[in-house]
PDB file of N, CA and C in Angstrom:
ATOM      1  N   MET A   1     101.537 178.983  96.077  1.00  0.00           N
ATOM      2  CA  MET A   1     102.224 180.107  96.850  1.00  0.00           C
ATOM      3  C   MET A   1     102.080 179.680  98.344  1.00  0.00           C
ATOM      4  N   ASP A   2     103.299 179.648  98.794  1.00  0.00           N
ATOM      5  CA  ASP A   2     103.273 179.318 100.188  1.00  0.00           C
ATOM      6  C   ASP A   2     103.229 180.469 101.197  1.00  0.00           C
ATOM      7  N   LYS A   3     103.011 180.073 102.439  1.00  0.00           N
ATOM      8  CA  LYS A   3     102.792 181.197 103.514  1.00  0.00           C
ATOM      9  C   LYS A   3     104.321 181.974 103.653  1.00  0.00           C
ATOM     10  N   LYS A   4     105.326 181.421 103.384  1.00  0.00           N
ATOM     11  CA  LYS A   4     106.520 182.189 103.660  1.00  0.00           C
ATOM     12  C   LYS A   4     106.693 183.204 102.539  1.00  0.00           C
ATOM     13  N   MET A   5     106.338 182.834 101.316  1.00  0.00           N
ATOM     14  CA  MET A   5     106.338 183.781 100.145  1.00  0.00           C
ATOM     15  C   MET A   5     105.439 185.036 100.304  1.00  0.00           C
ATOM     16  N   ILE A   6     104.260 184.650 100.815  1.00  0.00           N
ATOM     17  CA  ILE A   6     103.345 185.849 101.220  1.00  0.00           C
ATOM     18  C   ILE A   6     103.947 186.703 102.318  1.00  0.00           C
ATOM     19  N   GLU A   7     104.489 186.124 103.272  1.00  0.00           N
ATOM     20  CA  GLU A   7     105.067 186.952 104.317  1.00  0.00           C
ATOM     21  C   GLU A   7     106.136 187.720 103.882  1.00  0.00           C
ATOM     22  N   ARG A   8     106.959 187.211 102.952  1.00  0.00           N
ATOM     23  CA  ARG A   8     108.234 188.008 102.396  1.00  0.00           C
ATOM     24  C   ARG A   8     107.575 189.065 101.486  1.00  0.00           C
ATOM     25  N   ILE A   9     106.607 188.885 100.733  1.00  0.00           N
ATOM     26  CA  ILE A   9     105.932 189.990  99.992  1.00  0.00           C
ATOM     27  C   ILE A   9     105.489 191.141 100.888  1.00  0.00           C
ATOM     28  N   ASN A  10     104.760 190.777 101.921  1.00  0.00           N
ATOM     29  CA  ASN A  10     104.175 191.836 102.847  1.00  0.00           C
ATOM     30  C   ASN A  10     105.418 192.374 103.657  1.00  0.00           C
ATOM     31  N   PHE A  11     106.465 191.785 103.969  1.00  0.00           N
ATOM     32  CA  PHE A  11     107.592 192.392 104.632  1.00  0.00           C
ATOM     33  C   PHE A  11     108.173 193.419 103.743  1.00  0.00           C
ATOM     34  N   LEU A  12     108.423 193.003 102.450  1.00  0.00           N
ATOM     35  CA  LEU A  12     109.119 193.979 101.477  1.00  0.00           C
ATOM     36  C   LEU A  12     108.180 195.153 101.278  1.00  0.00           C
ATOM     37  N   ALA A  13     106.923 195.025 101.224  1.00  0.00           N
ATOM     38  CA  ALA A  13     105.964 196.120 101.011  1.00  0.00           C
ATOM     39  C   ALA A  13     106.120 197.067 102.173  1.00  0.00           C
ATOM     40  N   LYS A  14     106.056 196.508 103.330  1.00  0.00           N
ATOM     41  CA  LYS A  14     106.085 197.462 104.552  1.00  0.00           C
ATOM     42  C   LYS A  14     107.453 198.194 104.637  1.00  0.00           C
ATOM     43  N   LYS A  15     108.546 197.378 104.367  1.00  0.00           N
ATOM     44  CA  LYS A  15     109.825 197.943 104.363  1.00  0.00           C
ATOM     45  C   LYS A  15     109.985 199.113 103.243  1.00  0.00           C
ATOM     46  N   LYS A  16     109.263 198.912 102.171  1.00  0.00           N
ATOM     47  CA  LYS A  16     109.462 200.026 101.190  1.00  0.00           C
ATOM     48  C   LYS A  16     108.708 201.171 101.583  1.00  0.00           C
ATOM     49  N   LYS A  17     107.610 201.073 102.122  1.00  0.00           N
ATOM     50  CA  LYS A  17     106.925 202.330 102.687  1.00  0.00           C
ATOM     51  C   LYS A  17     107.556 203.043 103.848  1.00  0.00           C
ATOM     52  N   SER A  18     108.325 202.161 104.718  1.00  0.00           N
ATOM     53  CA  SER A  18     108.948 202.808 105.880  1.00  0.00           C
ATOM     54  C   SER A  18     110.313 203.418 105.654  1.00  0.00           C
ATOM     55  N   GLU A  19     111.126 202.619 104.904  1.00  0.00           N
ATOM     56  CA  GLU A  19     112.508 202.925 104.906  1.00  0.00           C
ATOM     57  C   GLU A  19     113.085 202.767 103.499  1.00  0.00           C
ATOM     58  N   GLY A  20     112.395 202.253 102.440  1.00  0.00           N
ATOM     59  CA  GLY A  20     112.862 201.993 101.168  1.00  0.00           C
ATOM     60  C   GLY A  20     113.615 200.707 100.963  1.00  0.00           C
ATOM     61  N   LEU A  21     113.817 200.316  99.849  1.00  0.00           N
ATOM     62  CA  LEU A  21     114.400 198.976  99.454  1.00  0.00           C
ATOM     63  C   LEU A  21     115.739 199.102  98.821  1.00  0.00           C
ATOM     64  N   THR A  22     116.613 198.143  98.924  1.00  0.00           N
ATOM     65  CA  THR A  22     117.830 198.238  98.156  1.00  0.00           C
ATOM     66  C   THR A  22     117.504 197.677  96.797  1.00  0.00           C
ATOM     67  N   GLU A  23     118.481 197.798  95.847  1.00  0.00           N
ATOM     68  CA  GLU A  23     118.219 197.321  94.491  1.00  0.00           C
ATOM     69  C   GLU A  23     118.010 195.814  94.497  1.00  0.00           C
ATOM     70  N   GLU A  24     118.655 195.069  95.277  1.00  0.00           N
ATOM     71  CA  GLU A  24     118.410 193.649  95.425  1.00  0.00           C
ATOM     72  C   GLU A  24     116.973 193.273  95.843  1.00  0.00           C
ATOM     73  N   GLU A  25     116.592 193.947  96.967  1.00  0.00           N
ATOM     74  CA  GLU A  25     115.190 193.787  97.532  1.00  0.00           C
ATOM     75  C   GLU A  25     114.162 194.265  96.401  1.00  0.00           C
ATOM     76  N   THR A  26     114.273 195.232  95.780  1.00  0.00           N
ATOM     77  CA  THR A  26     113.368 195.758  94.688  1.00  0.00           C
ATOM     78  C   THR A  26     113.173 194.649  93.565  1.00  0.00           C
ATOM     79  N   ALA A  27     114.464 194.092  93.231  1.00  0.00           N
ATOM     80  CA  ALA A  27     114.393 193.018  92.191  1.00  0.00           C
ATOM     81  C   ALA A  27     113.736 191.825  92.696  1.00  0.00           C
ATOM     82  N   GLU A  28     113.861 191.389  93.957  1.00  0.00           N
ATOM     83  CA  GLU A  28     113.140 190.255  94.610  1.00  0.00           C
ATOM     84  C   GLU A  28     111.705 190.677  94.570  1.00  0.00           C
ATOM     85  N   GLN A  29     111.338 191.860  95.093  1.00  0.00           N
ATOM     86  CA  GLN A  29     109.856 192.229  95.202  1.00  0.00           C
ATOM     87  C   GLN A  29     109.254 192.057  93.876  1.00  0.00           C
ATOM     88  N   LYS A  30     109.912 192.544  92.647  1.00  0.00           N
ATOM     89  CA  LYS A  30     109.301 192.424  91.413  1.00  0.00           C
ATOM     90  C   LYS A  30     109.010 190.938  90.953  1.00  0.00           C
ATOM     91  N   GLU A  31     110.073 190.190  91.318  1.00  0.00           N
ATOM     92  CA  GLU A  31     110.021 188.733  90.967  1.00  0.00           C
ATOM     93  C   GLU A  31     108.931 188.001  91.776  1.00  0.00           C
ATOM     94  N   LEU A  32     108.732 188.340  93.049  1.00  0.00           N
ATOM     95  CA  LEU A  32     107.702 187.713  93.932  1.00  0.00           C
ATOM     96  C   LEU A  32     106.280 188.160  93.476  1.00  0.00           C
ATOM     97  N   TYR A  33     106.309 189.430  93.088  1.00  0.00           N
ATOM     98  CA  TYR A  33     104.936 189.932  92.469  1.00  0.00           C
ATOM     99  C   TYR A  33     104.568 189.181  91.231  1.00  0.00           C
ATOM    100  N   LYS A  34     105.538 188.991  90.291  1.00  0.00           N
ATOM    101  CA  LYS A  34     105.329 188.165  89.110  1.00  0.00           C
ATOM    102  C   LYS A  34     104.775 186.786  89.462  1.00  0.00           C
ATOM    103  N   VAL A  35     105.340 186.183  90.348  1.00  0.00           N
ATOM    104  CA  VAL A  35     104.960 184.753  90.851  1.00  0.00           C
ATOM    105  C   VAL A  35     103.547 184.853  91.314  1.00  0.00           C
ATOM    106  N   TYR A  36     103.301 185.772  92.167  1.00  0.00           N
ATOM    107  CA  TYR A  36     102.012 186.073  92.911  1.00  0.00           C
ATOM    108  C   TYR A  36     100.955 186.246  91.841  1.00  0.00           C
ATOM    109  N   LEU A  37     101.169 187.171  91.017  1.00  0.00           N
ATOM    110  CA  LEU A  37     100.230 187.525  89.748  1.00  0.00           C
ATOM    111  C   LEU A  37      99.827 186.327  88.939  1.00  0.00           C
ATOM    112  N   ALA A  38     100.931 185.468  88.668  1.00  0.00           N
ATOM    113  CA  ALA A  38     100.630 184.293  87.853  1.00  0.00           C
ATOM    114  C   ALA A  38      99.818 183.370  88.518  1.00  0.00           C
ATOM    115  N   GLU A  39      99.900 183.119  89.802  1.00  0.00           N
ATOM    116  CA  GLU A  39      99.126 182.181  90.481  1.00  0.00           C
ATOM    117  C   GLU A  39      97.827 182.743  90.640  1.00  0.00           C
ATOM    118  N   ILE A  40      97.482 183.990  90.767  1.00  0.00           N
ATOM    119  CA  ILE A  40      96.224 184.488  90.896  1.00  0.00           C
ATOM    120  C   ILE A  40      95.522 184.352  89.558  1.00  0.00           C
ATOM    121  N   ARG A  41      96.221 184.722  88.474  1.00  0.00           N
ATOM    122  CA  ARG A  41      95.456 184.610  87.099  1.00  0.00           C
ATOM    123  C   ARG A  41      95.210 183.078  86.938  1.00  0.00           C
ATOM    124  N   GLY A  42      96.037 182.175  87.308  1.00  0.00           N
ATOM    125  CA  GLY A  42      95.786 180.709  87.055  1.00  0.00           C
ATOM    126  C   GLY A  42      94.567 180.263  87.875  1.00  0.00           C
ATOM    127  N   GLN A  43      94.376 180.854  89.035  1.00  0.00           N
ATOM    128  CA  GLN A  43      93.195 180.454  89.838  1.00  0.00           C
ATOM    129  C   GLN A  43      91.964 181.026  89.293  1.00  0.00           C
ATOM    130  N   PHE A  44      92.127 182.233  88.763  1.00  0.00           N
ATOM    131  CA  PHE A  44      90.937 182.953  88.085  1.00  0.00           C
ATOM    132  C   PHE A  44      90.475 182.057  86.866  1.00  0.00           C
ATOM    133  N   SER A  45      91.542 181.669  86.037  1.00  0.00           N
ATOM    134  CA  SER A  45      91.184 180.963  84.865  1.00  0.00           C
ATOM    135  C   SER A  45      90.526 179.616  85.140  1.00  0.00           C
ATOM    136  N   GLN A  46      90.998 178.996  86.417  1.00  0.00           N
ATOM    137  CA  GLN A  46      90.305 177.674  86.737  1.00  0.00           C
ATOM    138  C   GLN A  46      88.954 177.833  87.149  1.00  0.00           C
ATOM    139  N   THR A  47      88.723 178.871  87.906  1.00  0.00           N
ATOM    140  CA  THR A  47      87.370 179.359  88.191  1.00  0.00           C
ATOM    141  C   THR A  47      86.550 179.496  87.106  1.00  0.00           C
ATOM    142  N   LEU A  48      86.987 180.207  86.034  1.00  0.00           N
ATOM    143  CA  LEU A  48      86.094 180.513  84.837  1.00  0.00           C
ATOM    144  C   LEU A  48      85.860 179.198  84.151  1.00  0.00           C
ATOM    145  N   ASP A  49      86.638 178.142  84.199  1.00  0.00           N
ATOM    146  CA  ASP A  49      86.554 176.905  83.603  1.00  0.00           C
ATOM    147  C   ASP A  49      85.235 176.092  84.241  1.00  0.00           C
ATOM    148  N   ASN A  50      84.956 176.492  85.471  1.00  0.00           N
ATOM    149  CA  ASN A  50      83.855 175.922  86.197  1.00  0.00           C
ATOM    150  C   ASN A  50      82.538 176.733  86.160  1.00  0.00           C
ATOM    151  N   VAL A  51      82.592 177.775  85.333  1.00  0.00           N
ATOM    152  CA  VAL A  51      81.379 178.634  85.337  1.00  0.00           C
ATOM    153  C   VAL A  51      80.609 178.499  83.964  1.00  0.00           C
ATOM    154  N   SER A  52      79.221 178.398  84.046  1.00  0.00           N
ATOM    155  CA  SER A  52      78.437 178.249  82.886  1.00  0.00           C
ATOM    156  C   SER A  52      77.468 179.522  82.766  1.00  0.00           C
ATOM    157  N   VAL A  53      77.148 179.555  81.371  1.00  0.00           N
ATOM    158  CA  VAL A  53      76.188 180.742  81.266  1.00  0.00           C
ATOM    159  C   VAL A  53      75.084 180.173  80.498  1.00  0.00           C
ATOM    160  N   LYS A  54      73.846 180.647  80.974  1.00  0.00           N
ATOM    161  CA  LYS A  54      72.565 180.267  80.309  1.00  0.00           C
ATOM    162  C   LYS A  54      72.290 181.187  79.276  1.00  0.00           C
ATOM    163  N   GLU A  55      72.171 180.765  78.033  1.00  0.00           N
ATOM    164  CA  GLU A  55      71.938 181.501  76.875  1.00  0.00           C
ATOM    165  C   GLU A  55      70.425 181.925  76.970  1.00  0.00           C
ATOM    166  N   ALA A  56      70.118 182.899  75.932  1.00  0.00           N
ATOM    167  CA  ALA A  56      68.706 183.316  75.866  1.00  0.00           C
ATOM    168  C   ALA A  56      67.762 182.221  75.380  1.00  0.00           C
ATOM    169  N   ASP A  57      68.284 181.273  74.612  1.00  0.00           N
ATOM    170  CA  ASP A  57      67.576 180.165  74.076  1.00  0.00           C
ATOM    171  C   ASP A  57      67.393 179.050  75.201  1.00  0.00           C
ATOM    172  N   GLY A  58      67.994 179.213  76.269  1.00  0.00           N
ATOM    173  CA  GLY A  58      67.946 178.181  77.387  1.00  0.00           C
ATOM    174  C   GLY A  58      69.105 177.173  77.423  1.00  0.00           C
ATOM    175  N   SER A  59      69.954 177.211  76.400  1.00  0.00           N
ATOM    176  CA  SER A  59      71.125 176.382  76.481  1.00  0.00           C
ATOM    177  C   SER A  59      72.138 176.838  77.440  1.00  0.00           C
ATOM    178  N   VAL A  60      72.903 175.913  77.920  1.00  0.00           N
ATOM    179  CA  VAL A  60      73.842 176.242  79.063  1.00  0.00           C
ATOM    180  C   VAL A  60      75.364 175.895  78.431  1.00  0.00           C
ATOM    181  N   VAL A  61      76.128 176.917  78.279  1.00  0.00           N
ATOM    182  CA  VAL A  61      77.381 176.864  77.638  1.00  0.00           C
ATOM    183  C   VAL A  61      78.504 177.222  78.724  1.00  0.00           C
ATOM    184  N   PRO A  62      79.791 176.696  78.617  1.00  0.00           N
ATOM    185  CA  PRO A  62      80.853 177.104  79.523  1.00  0.00           C
ATOM    186  C   PRO A  62      81.147 178.582  79.162  1.00  0.00           C
ATOM    187  N   PHE A  63      81.444 179.345  80.269  1.00  0.00           N
ATOM    188  CA  PHE A  63      81.754 180.693  80.057  1.00  0.00           C
ATOM    189  C   PHE A  63      82.670 181.171  78.955  1.00  0.00           C
ATOM    190  N   LYS A  64      83.804 180.491  78.950  1.00  0.00           N
ATOM    191  CA  LYS A  64      84.784 180.845  77.948  1.00  0.00           C
ATOM    192  C   LYS A  64      84.115 180.792  76.547  1.00  0.00           C
ATOM    193  N   GLU A  65      83.341 179.868  76.320  1.00  0.00           N
ATOM    194  CA  GLU A  65      82.799 179.577  74.879  1.00  0.00           C
ATOM    195  C   GLU A  65      81.732 180.792  74.663  1.00  0.00           C
ATOM    196  N   ALA A  66      81.004 181.023  75.766  1.00  0.00           N
ATOM    197  CA  ALA A  66      80.057 182.183  75.577  1.00  0.00           C
ATOM    198  C   ALA A  66      80.721 183.487  75.324  1.00  0.00           C
ATOM    199  N   TYR A  67      81.829 183.792  76.024  1.00  0.00           N
ATOM    200  CA  TYR A  67      82.751 184.981  75.993  1.00  0.00           C
ATOM    201  C   TYR A  67      83.209 185.147  74.547  1.00  0.00           C
ATOM    202  N   ALA A  68      83.627 183.975  74.015  1.00  0.00           N
ATOM    203  CA  ALA A  68      84.274 183.902  72.624  1.00  0.00           C
ATOM    204  C   ALA A  68      83.246 184.283  71.561  1.00  0.00           C
ATOM    205  N   LYS A  69      81.988 183.955  71.840  1.00  0.00           N
ATOM    206  CA  LYS A  69      80.930 184.266  70.863  1.00  0.00           C
ATOM    207  C   LYS A  69      80.696 185.851  70.787  1.00  0.00           C
ATOM    208  N   GLN A  70      80.865 186.400  71.923  1.00  0.00           N
ATOM    209  CA  GLN A  70      80.677 187.950  71.916  1.00  0.00           C
ATOM    210  C   GLN A  70      81.819 188.637  71.146  1.00  0.00           C
ATOM    211  N   ASP A  71      82.957 188.091  71.052  1.00  0.00           N
ATOM    212  CA  ASP A  71      84.107 188.607  70.351  1.00  0.00           C
ATOM    213  C   ASP A  71      83.996 188.651  68.824  1.00  0.00           C
ATOM    214  N   LYS A  72      83.072 187.692  68.424  1.00  0.00           N
ATOM    215  CA  LYS A  72      82.801 187.465  66.930  1.00  0.00           C
ATOM    216  C   LYS A  72      81.889 188.470  66.259  1.00  0.00           C
TER     217      LYS A  72
END
């Protein structure tokens, strides 16, 4: 996500509050939010790939593996 995209998201959010958006701007805002959320989710997933959990027996397993055990 580049700085221009974030600036555009912020501009549209402020404009929506102050005077409202056109249909085209609303569609653009929705699309920008989709891209933004996809990036945030990707970053979060990468962070979880680097997190480990220490089990009660002392073993250390990746977070996603430990979380998958809880679902079973």
